[in-house]
Amino acid sequence: ISQCLLMFLTAVIKPSGEARAQYYYDYFGTN
């Protein structure tokens, strides 16, 4: 739950493209 909410609330910028264990929350209704 925290991963989903955090990716919704926070714009994560990762210049080196290193590993990410989070999920990106997309708006409801999109495919």
PDB file of all heavy atoms in Angstrom:
ATOM      1  N   ILE A   1       0.835  -1.203   0.000  1.00  0.00           N
ATOM      2  CA  ILE A   1       0.000   0.000   0.000  1.00  0.00           C
ATOM      3  C   ILE A   1       0.867   1.248   0.000  1.00  0.00           C
ATOM      4  O   ILE A   1       0.613   2.204  -0.736  1.00  0.00           O
ATOM      5  CB  ILE A   1      -0.946  -0.005   1.217  1.00  0.00           C
ATOM      6  CG1 ILE A   1      -1.966  -1.147   1.083  1.00  0.00           C
ATOM      7  CG2 ILE A   1      -1.663   1.337   1.354  1.00  0.00           C
ATOM      8  CD1 ILE A   1      -2.786  -1.377   2.341  1.00  0.00           C
ATOM      9  N   SER A   2       1.933   1.244   0.800  1.00  0.00           N
ATOM     10  CA  SER A   2       2.799   2.426   0.870  1.00  0.00           C
ATOM     11  C   SER A   2       3.498   2.666  -0.452  1.00  0.00           C
ATOM     12  O   SER A   2       3.664   3.808  -0.873  1.00  0.00           O
ATOM     13  CB  SER A   2       3.848   2.252   1.987  1.00  0.00           C
ATOM     14  OG  SER A   2       4.745   1.209   1.678  1.00  0.00           O
ATOM     15  N   GLN A   3       3.900   1.585  -1.119  1.00  0.00           N
ATOM     16  CA  GLN A   3       4.547   1.737  -2.416  1.00  0.00           C
ATOM     17  C   GLN A   3       3.606   2.388  -3.415  1.00  0.00           C
ATOM     18  O   GLN A   3       3.987   3.301  -4.155  1.00  0.00           O
ATOM     19  CB  GLN A   3       5.025   0.381  -2.933  1.00  0.00           C
ATOM     20  CG  GLN A   3       6.247  -0.147  -2.194  1.00  0.00           C
ATOM     21  CD  GLN A   3       6.543  -1.576  -2.547  1.00  0.00           C
ATOM     22  OE1 GLN A   3       5.696  -2.291  -3.049  1.00  0.00           O
ATOM     23  NE2 GLN A   3       7.759  -1.993  -2.301  1.00  0.00           N
ATOM     24  N   CYS A   4       2.376   1.929  -3.459  1.00  0.00           N
ATOM     25  CA  CYS A   4       1.409   2.486  -4.405  1.00  0.00           C
ATOM     26  C   CYS A   4       1.145   3.959  -4.111  1.00  0.00           C
ATOM     27  O   CYS A   4       1.156   4.800  -5.005  1.00  0.00           O
ATOM     28  CB  CYS A   4       0.100   1.698  -4.350  1.00  0.00           C
ATOM     29  SG  CYS A   4       0.243  -0.013  -4.892  1.00  0.00           S
ATOM     30  N   LEU A   5       0.906   4.278  -2.832  1.00  0.00           N
ATOM     31  CA  LEU A   5       0.591   5.653  -2.465  1.00  0.00           C
ATOM     32  C   LEU A   5       1.779   6.578  -2.685  1.00  0.00           C
ATOM     33  O   LEU A   5       1.628   7.700  -3.154  1.00  0.00           O
ATOM     34  CB  LEU A   5       0.150   5.709  -0.999  1.00  0.00           C
ATOM     35  CG  LEU A   5      -1.213   5.070  -0.692  1.00  0.00           C
ATOM     36  CD1 LEU A   5      -1.474   5.115   0.806  1.00  0.00           C
ATOM     37  CD2 LEU A   5      -2.323   5.791  -1.439  1.00  0.00           C
ATOM     38  N   LEU A   6       2.975   6.092  -2.362  1.00  0.00           N
ATOM     39  CA  LEU A   6       4.148   6.934  -2.504  1.00  0.00           C
ATOM     40  C   LEU A   6       4.436   7.262  -3.959  1.00  0.00           C
ATOM     41  O   LEU A   6       4.823   8.375  -4.299  1.00  0.00           O
ATOM     42  CB  LEU A   6       5.365   6.243  -1.868  1.00  0.00           C
ATOM     43  CG  LEU A   6       5.362   6.235  -0.345  1.00  0.00           C
ATOM     44  CD1 LEU A   6       6.456   5.327   0.180  1.00  0.00           C
ATOM     45  CD2 LEU A   6       5.516   7.632   0.197  1.00  0.00           C
ATOM     46  N   MET A   7       4.243   6.286  -4.842  1.00  0.00           N
ATOM     47  CA  MET A   7       4.486   6.551  -6.251  1.00  0.00           C
ATOM     48  C   MET A   7       3.423   7.497  -6.809  1.00  0.00           C
ATOM     49  O   MET A   7       3.654   8.214  -7.771  1.00  0.00           O
ATOM     50  CB  MET A   7       4.501   5.253  -7.050  1.00  0.00           C
ATOM     51  CG  MET A   7       5.747   4.402  -6.809  1.00  0.00           C
ATOM     52  SD  MET A   7       7.259   5.310  -7.142  1.00  0.00           S
ATOM     53  CE  MET A   7       7.115   5.515  -8.903  1.00  0.00           C
ATOM     54  N   PHE A   8       2.269   7.509  -6.195  1.00  0.00           N
ATOM     55  CA  PHE A   8       1.225   8.448  -6.610  1.00  0.00           C
ATOM     56  C   PHE A   8       1.555   9.857  -6.123  1.00  0.00           C
ATOM     57  O   PHE A   8       1.389  10.839  -6.837  1.00  0.00           O
ATOM     58  CB  PHE A   8      -0.117   7.989  -6.046  1.00  0.00           C
ATOM     59  CG  PHE A   8      -1.230   8.989  -6.254  1.00  0.00           C
ATOM     60  CD1 PHE A   8      -1.696   9.252  -7.528  1.00  0.00           C
ATOM     61  CD2 PHE A   8      -1.804   9.648  -5.182  1.00  0.00           C
ATOM     62  CE1 PHE A   8      -2.727  10.159  -7.719  1.00  0.00           C
ATOM     63  CE2 PHE A   8      -2.822  10.552  -5.375  1.00  0.00           C
ATOM     64  CZ  PHE A   8      -3.282  10.812  -6.645  1.00  0.00           C
ATOM     65  N   LEU A   9       2.046   9.969  -4.894  1.00  0.00           N
ATOM     66  CA  LEU A   9       2.271  11.272  -4.283  1.00  0.00           C
ATOM     67  C   LEU A   9       3.616  11.879  -4.635  1.00  0.00           C
ATOM     68  O   LEU A   9       3.789  13.088  -4.544  1.00  0.00           O
ATOM     69  CB  LEU A   9       2.169  11.145  -2.747  1.00  0.00           C
ATOM     70  CG  LEU A   9       0.797  10.755  -2.198  1.00  0.00           C
ATOM     71  CD1 LEU A   9       0.905  10.467  -0.713  1.00  0.00           C
ATOM     72  CD2 LEU A   9      -0.211  11.844  -2.457  1.00  0.00           C
ATOM     73  N   THR A  10       4.586  11.038  -5.046  1.00  0.00           N
ATOM     74  CA  THR A  10       5.952  11.513  -5.229  1.00  0.00           C
ATOM     75  C   THR A  10       6.421  11.274  -6.642  1.00  0.00           C
ATOM     76  O   THR A  10       6.318  10.179  -7.149  1.00  0.00           O
ATOM     77  CB  THR A  10       6.907  10.793  -4.250  1.00  0.00           C
ATOM     78  OG1 THR A  10       6.364  10.879  -2.957  1.00  0.00           O
ATOM     79  CG2 THR A  10       8.290  11.429  -4.277  1.00  0.00           C
ATOM     80  N   ALA A  11       6.949  12.306  -7.265  1.00  0.00           N
ATOM     81  CA  ALA A  11       7.543  12.139  -8.600  1.00  0.00           C
ATOM     82  C   ALA A  11       8.968  11.672  -8.399  1.00  0.00           C
ATOM     83  O   ALA A  11       9.839  12.441  -8.008  1.00  0.00           O
ATOM     84  CB  ALA A  11       7.515  13.461  -9.363  1.00  0.00           C
ATOM     85  N   VAL A  12       9.238  10.419  -8.659  1.00  0.00           N
ATOM     86  CA  VAL A  12      10.553   9.844  -8.397  1.00  0.00           C
ATOM     87  C   VAL A  12      11.455  10.115  -9.578  1.00  0.00           C
ATOM     88  O   VAL A  12      11.145   9.721 -10.689  1.00  0.00           O
ATOM     89  CB  VAL A  12      10.447   8.334  -8.149  1.00  0.00           C
ATOM     90  CG1 VAL A  12      11.814   7.743  -7.911  1.00  0.00           C
ATOM     91  CG2 VAL A  12       9.544   8.071  -6.962  1.00  0.00           C
ATOM     92  N   ILE A  13      12.586  10.798  -9.350  1.00  0.00           N
ATOM     93  CA  ILE A  13      13.554  11.068 -10.414  1.00  0.00           C
ATOM     94  C   ILE A  13      14.788  10.240 -10.129  1.00  0.00           C
ATOM     95  O   ILE A  13      15.412  10.357  -9.093  1.00  0.00           O
ATOM     96  CB  ILE A  13      13.912  12.565 -10.453  1.00  0.00           C
ATOM     97  CG1 ILE A  13      12.654  13.371 -10.789  1.00  0.00           C
ATOM     98  CG2 ILE A  13      15.020  12.832 -11.455  1.00  0.00           C
ATOM     99  CD1 ILE A  13      12.871  14.857 -10.736  1.00  0.00           C
ATOM    100  N   LYS A  14      15.177   9.417 -11.090  1.00  0.00           N
ATOM    101  CA  LYS A  14      16.302   8.513 -10.905  1.00  0.00           C
ATOM    102  C   LYS A  14      17.245   8.677 -12.084  1.00  0.00           C
ATOM    103  O   LYS A  14      17.174   7.961 -13.064  1.00  0.00           O
ATOM    104  CB  LYS A  14      15.793   7.077 -10.826  1.00  0.00           C
ATOM    105  CG  LYS A  14      16.900   6.058 -10.597  1.00  0.00           C
ATOM    106  CD  LYS A  14      17.545   6.225  -9.270  1.00  0.00           C
ATOM    107  CE  LYS A  14      18.504   5.112  -8.958  1.00  0.00           C
ATOM    108  NZ  LYS A  14      19.220   5.325  -7.739  1.00  0.00           N
ATOM    109  N   PRO A  15      18.209   9.625 -12.066  1.00  0.00           N
ATOM    110  CA  PRO A  15      19.053   9.862 -13.212  1.00  0.00           C
ATOM    111  C   PRO A  15      19.843   8.650 -13.656  1.00  0.00           C
ATOM    112  O   PRO A  15      20.025   8.453 -14.842  1.00  0.00           O
ATOM    113  CB  PRO A  15      19.977  10.976 -12.718  1.00  0.00           C
ATOM    114  CG  PRO A  15      19.230  11.617 -11.587  1.00  0.00           C
ATOM    115  CD  PRO A  15      18.450  10.526 -10.958  1.00  0.00           C
ATOM    116  N   SER A  16      20.442   7.879 -12.760  1.00  0.00           N
ATOM    117  CA  SER A  16      21.259   6.773 -13.168  1.00  0.00           C
ATOM    118  C   SER A  16      20.488   5.557 -13.568  1.00  0.00           C
ATOM    119  O   SER A  16      21.060   4.593 -14.042  1.00  0.00           O
ATOM    120  CB  SER A  16      22.218   6.400 -12.051  1.00  0.00           C
ATOM    121  OG  SER A  16      21.438   5.942 -10.947  1.00  0.00           O
ATOM    122  N   GLY A  17      19.047   5.638 -13.320  1.00  0.00           N
ATOM    123  CA  GLY A  17      18.252   4.502 -13.651  1.00  0.00           C
ATOM    124  C   GLY A  17      18.467   3.312 -12.803  1.00  0.00           C
ATOM    125  O   GLY A  17      18.264   2.168 -13.178  1.00  0.00           O
ATOM    126  N   GLU A  18      18.936   3.505 -11.608  1.00  0.00           N
ATOM    127  CA  GLU A  18      19.223   2.380 -10.746  1.00  0.00           C
ATOM    128  C   GLU A  18      17.951   1.662 -10.348  1.00  0.00           C
ATOM    129  O   GLU A  18      16.850   2.079 -10.654  1.00  0.00           O
ATOM    130  CB  GLU A  18      19.958   2.840  -9.486  1.00  0.00           C
ATOM    131  CG  GLU A  18      21.375   3.310  -9.784  1.00  0.00           C
ATOM    132  CD  GLU A  18      22.052   3.831  -8.568  1.00  0.00           C
ATOM    133  OE1 GLU A  18      21.478   3.714  -7.475  1.00  0.00           O
ATOM    134  OE2 GLU A  18      23.153   4.354  -8.687  1.00  0.00           O
ATOM    135  N   ALA A  19      18.117   0.600  -9.558  1.00  0.00           N
ATOM    136  CA  ALA A  19      16.999  -0.285  -9.251  1.00  0.00           C
ATOM    137  C   ALA A  19      15.909   0.436  -8.488  1.00  0.00           C
ATOM    138  O   ALA A  19      16.135   1.285  -7.664  1.00  0.00           O
ATOM    139  CB  ALA A  19      17.505  -1.448  -8.413  1.00  0.00           C
ATOM    140  N   ARG A  20      14.672   0.046  -8.789  1.00  0.00           N
ATOM    141  CA  ARG A  20      13.518   0.563  -8.079  1.00  0.00           C
ATOM    142  C   ARG A  20      12.628  -0.591  -7.680  1.00  0.00           C
ATOM    143  O   ARG A  20      12.276  -1.425  -8.506  1.00  0.00           O
ATOM    144  CB  ARG A  20      12.721   1.522  -8.984  1.00  0.00           C
ATOM    145  CG  ARG A  20      13.331   2.931  -9.044  1.00  0.00           C
ATOM    146  CD  ARG A  20      13.206   3.589  -7.687  1.00  0.00           C
ATOM    147  NE  ARG A  20      13.724   4.940  -7.691  1.00  0.00           N
ATOM    148  CZ  ARG A  20      14.935   5.254  -7.312  1.00  0.00           C
ATOM    149  NH1 ARG A  20      15.781   4.327  -6.968  1.00  0.00           N
ATOM    150  NH2 ARG A  20      15.320   6.506  -7.283  1.00  0.00           N
ATOM    151  N   ALA A  21      12.263  -0.638  -6.409  1.00  0.00           N
ATOM    152  CA  ALA A  21      11.388  -1.701  -5.951  1.00  0.00           C
ATOM    153  C   ALA A  21       9.972  -1.189  -5.757  1.00  0.00           C
ATOM    154  O   ALA A  21       9.148  -1.846  -5.179  1.00  0.00           O
ATOM    155  CB  ALA A  21      11.907  -2.270  -4.639  1.00  0.00           C
ATOM    156  N   GLN A  22       9.703   0.020  -6.240  1.00  0.00           N
ATOM    157  CA  GLN A  22       8.394   0.591  -6.028  1.00  0.00           C
ATOM    158  C   GLN A  22       7.503   0.362  -7.235  1.00  0.00           C
ATOM    159  O   GLN A  22       7.958   0.063  -8.323  1.00  0.00           O
ATOM    160  CB  GLN A  22       8.519   2.088  -5.778  1.00  0.00           C
ATOM    161  CG  GLN A  22       9.233   2.372  -4.467  1.00  0.00           C
ATOM    162  CD  GLN A  22       9.447   3.852  -4.300  1.00  0.00           C
ATOM    163  OE1 GLN A  22       9.942   4.494  -5.195  1.00  0.00           O
ATOM    164  NE2 GLN A  22       9.091   4.376  -3.166  1.00  0.00           N
ATOM    165  N   TYR A  23       6.227   0.571  -7.016  1.00  0.00           N
ATOM    166  CA  TYR A  23       5.245   0.508  -8.089  1.00  0.00           C
ATOM    167  C   TYR A  23       4.792   1.924  -8.410  1.00  0.00           C
ATOM    168  O   TYR A  23       4.791   2.799  -7.567  1.00  0.00           O
ATOM    169  CB  TYR A  23       4.031  -0.328  -7.665  1.00  0.00           C
ATOM    170  CG  TYR A  23       4.350  -1.776  -7.466  1.00  0.00           C
ATOM    171  CD1 TYR A  23       4.844  -2.232  -6.244  1.00  0.00           C
ATOM    172  CD2 TYR A  23       4.186  -2.689  -8.493  1.00  0.00           C
ATOM    173  CE1 TYR A  23       5.147  -3.559  -6.057  1.00  0.00           C
ATOM    174  CE2 TYR A  23       4.486  -4.013  -8.313  1.00  0.00           C
ATOM    175  CZ  TYR A  23       4.950  -4.439  -7.090  1.00  0.00           C
ATOM    176  OH  TYR A  23       5.251  -5.748  -6.914  1.00  0.00           O
ATOM    177  N   TYR A  24       4.353   2.103  -9.622  1.00  0.00           N
ATOM    178  CA  TYR A  24       3.861   3.400 -10.047  1.00  0.00           C
ATOM    179  C   TYR A  24       2.341   3.363 -10.076  1.00  0.00           C
ATOM    180  O   TYR A  24       1.743   2.543 -10.729  1.00  0.00           O
ATOM    181  CB  TYR A  24       4.404   3.722 -11.435  1.00  0.00           C
ATOM    182  CG  TYR A  24       3.943   5.043 -11.986  1.00  0.00           C
ATOM    183  CD1 TYR A  24       4.568   6.237 -11.623  1.00  0.00           C
ATOM    184  CD2 TYR A  24       2.885   5.098 -12.881  1.00  0.00           C
ATOM    185  CE1 TYR A  24       4.151   7.435 -12.141  1.00  0.00           C
ATOM    186  CE2 TYR A  24       2.461   6.302 -13.402  1.00  0.00           C
ATOM    187  CZ  TYR A  24       3.095   7.464 -13.036  1.00  0.00           C
ATOM    188  OH  TYR A  24       2.692   8.653 -13.544  1.00  0.00           O
ATOM    189  N   TYR A  25       1.718   4.248  -9.342  1.00  0.00           N
ATOM    190  CA  TYR A  25       0.270   4.278  -9.268  1.00  0.00           C
ATOM    191  C   TYR A  25      -0.268   5.075 -10.447  1.00  0.00           C
ATOM    192  O   TYR A  25       0.018   6.249 -10.601  1.00  0.00           O
ATOM    193  CB  TYR A  25      -0.175   4.921  -7.952  1.00  0.00           C
ATOM    194  CG  TYR A  25      -1.672   4.928  -7.786  1.00  0.00           C
ATOM    195  CD1 TYR A  25      -2.323   3.859  -7.184  1.00  0.00           C
ATOM    196  CD2 TYR A  25      -2.420   5.989  -8.262  1.00  0.00           C
ATOM    197  CE1 TYR A  25      -3.694   3.866  -7.047  1.00  0.00           C
ATOM    198  CE2 TYR A  25      -3.793   6.005  -8.126  1.00  0.00           C
ATOM    199  CZ  TYR A  25      -4.420   4.948  -7.521  1.00  0.00           C
ATOM    200  OH  TYR A  25      -5.774   4.944  -7.390  1.00  0.00           O
ATOM    201  N   ASP A  26      -1.055   4.464 -11.304  1.00  0.00           N
ATOM    202  CA  ASP A  26      -1.660   5.149 -12.435  1.00  0.00           C
ATOM    203  C   ASP A  26      -3.107   5.491 -12.087  1.00  0.00           C
ATOM    204  O   ASP A  26      -3.728   4.861 -11.251  1.00  0.00           O
ATOM    205  CB  ASP A  26      -1.615   4.257 -13.678  1.00  0.00           C
ATOM    206  CG  ASP A  26      -1.867   5.057 -14.942  1.00  0.00           C
ATOM    207  OD1 ASP A  26      -1.627   6.269 -14.924  1.00  0.00           O
ATOM    208  OD2 ASP A  26      -2.292   4.454 -15.928  1.00  0.00           O
ATOM    209  N   TYR A  27      -3.635   6.493 -12.762  1.00  0.00           N
ATOM    210  CA  TYR A  27      -5.001   6.902 -12.478  1.00  0.00           C
ATOM    211  C   TYR A  27      -5.989   5.812 -12.868  1.00  0.00           C
ATOM    212  O   TYR A  27      -5.845   5.132 -13.862  1.00  0.00           O
ATOM    213  CB  TYR A  27      -5.317   8.199 -13.236  1.00  0.00           C
ATOM    214  CG  TYR A  27      -4.527   9.367 -12.742  1.00  0.00           C
ATOM    215  CD1 TYR A  27      -3.483   9.886 -13.493  1.00  0.00           C
ATOM    216  CD2 TYR A  27      -4.795   9.937 -11.496  1.00  0.00           C
ATOM    217  CE1 TYR A  27      -2.742  10.959 -13.043  1.00  0.00           C
ATOM    218  CE2 TYR A  27      -4.054  11.012 -11.043  1.00  0.00           C
ATOM    219  CZ  TYR A  27      -3.028  11.515 -11.821  1.00  0.00           C
ATOM    220  OH  TYR A  27      -2.306  12.563 -11.352  1.00  0.00           O
ATOM    221  N   PHE A  28      -7.046   5.696 -12.075  1.00  0.00           N
ATOM    222  CA  PHE A  28      -8.048   4.674 -12.288  1.00  0.00           C
ATOM    223  C   PHE A  28      -8.684   4.845 -13.672  1.00  0.00           C
ATOM    224  O   PHE A  28      -9.003   5.943 -14.098  1.00  0.00           O
ATOM    225  CB  PHE A  28      -9.129   4.773 -11.213  1.00  0.00           C
ATOM    226  CG  PHE A  28     -10.234   3.780 -11.385  1.00  0.00           C
ATOM    227  CD1 PHE A  28     -10.060   2.466 -10.985  1.00  0.00           C
ATOM    228  CD2 PHE A  28     -11.429   4.147 -11.971  1.00  0.00           C
ATOM    229  CE1 PHE A  28     -11.074   1.548 -11.144  1.00  0.00           C
ATOM    230  CE2 PHE A  28     -12.450   3.232 -12.137  1.00  0.00           C
ATOM    231  CZ  PHE A  28     -12.276   1.927 -11.728  1.00  0.00           C
ATOM    232  N   GLY A  29      -8.882   3.733 -14.365  1.00  0.00           N
ATOM    233  CA  GLY A  29      -9.560   3.774 -15.650  1.00  0.00           C
ATOM    234  C   GLY A  29      -8.639   3.715 -16.841  1.00  0.00           C
ATOM    235  O   GLY A  29      -9.087   3.499 -17.961  1.00  0.00           O
ATOM    236  N   THR A  30      -7.324   3.911 -16.636  1.00  0.00           N
ATOM    237  CA  THR A  30      -6.389   3.819 -17.750  1.00  0.00           C
ATOM    238  C   THR A  30      -5.926   2.384 -17.910  1.00  0.00           C
ATOM    239  O   THR A  30      -5.966   1.595 -16.971  1.00  0.00           O
ATOM    240  CB  THR A  30      -5.165   4.727 -17.530  1.00  0.00           C
ATOM    241  OG1 THR A  30      -4.504   4.312 -16.326  1.00  0.00           O
ATOM    242  CG2 THR A  30      -5.584   6.180 -17.401  1.00  0.00           C
ATOM    243  N   ASN A  31      -5.479   2.034 -19.101  1.00  0.00           N
ATOM    244  CA  ASN A  31      -5.056   0.673 -19.391  1.00  0.00           C
ATOM    245  C   ASN A  31      -3.587   0.642 -19.769  1.00  0.00           C
ATOM    246  O   ASN A  31      -3.076   1.566 -20.401  1.00  0.00           O
ATOM    247  CB  ASN A  31      -5.877   0.099 -20.555  1.00  0.00           C
ATOM    248  CG  ASN A  31      -7.347  -0.020 -20.210  1.00  0.00           C
ATOM    249  OD1 ASN A  31      -7.691  -0.484 -19.140  1.00  0.00           O
ATOM    250  ND2 ASN A  31      -8.204   0.419 -21.115  1.00  0.00           N
TER     251      ASN A  31
END
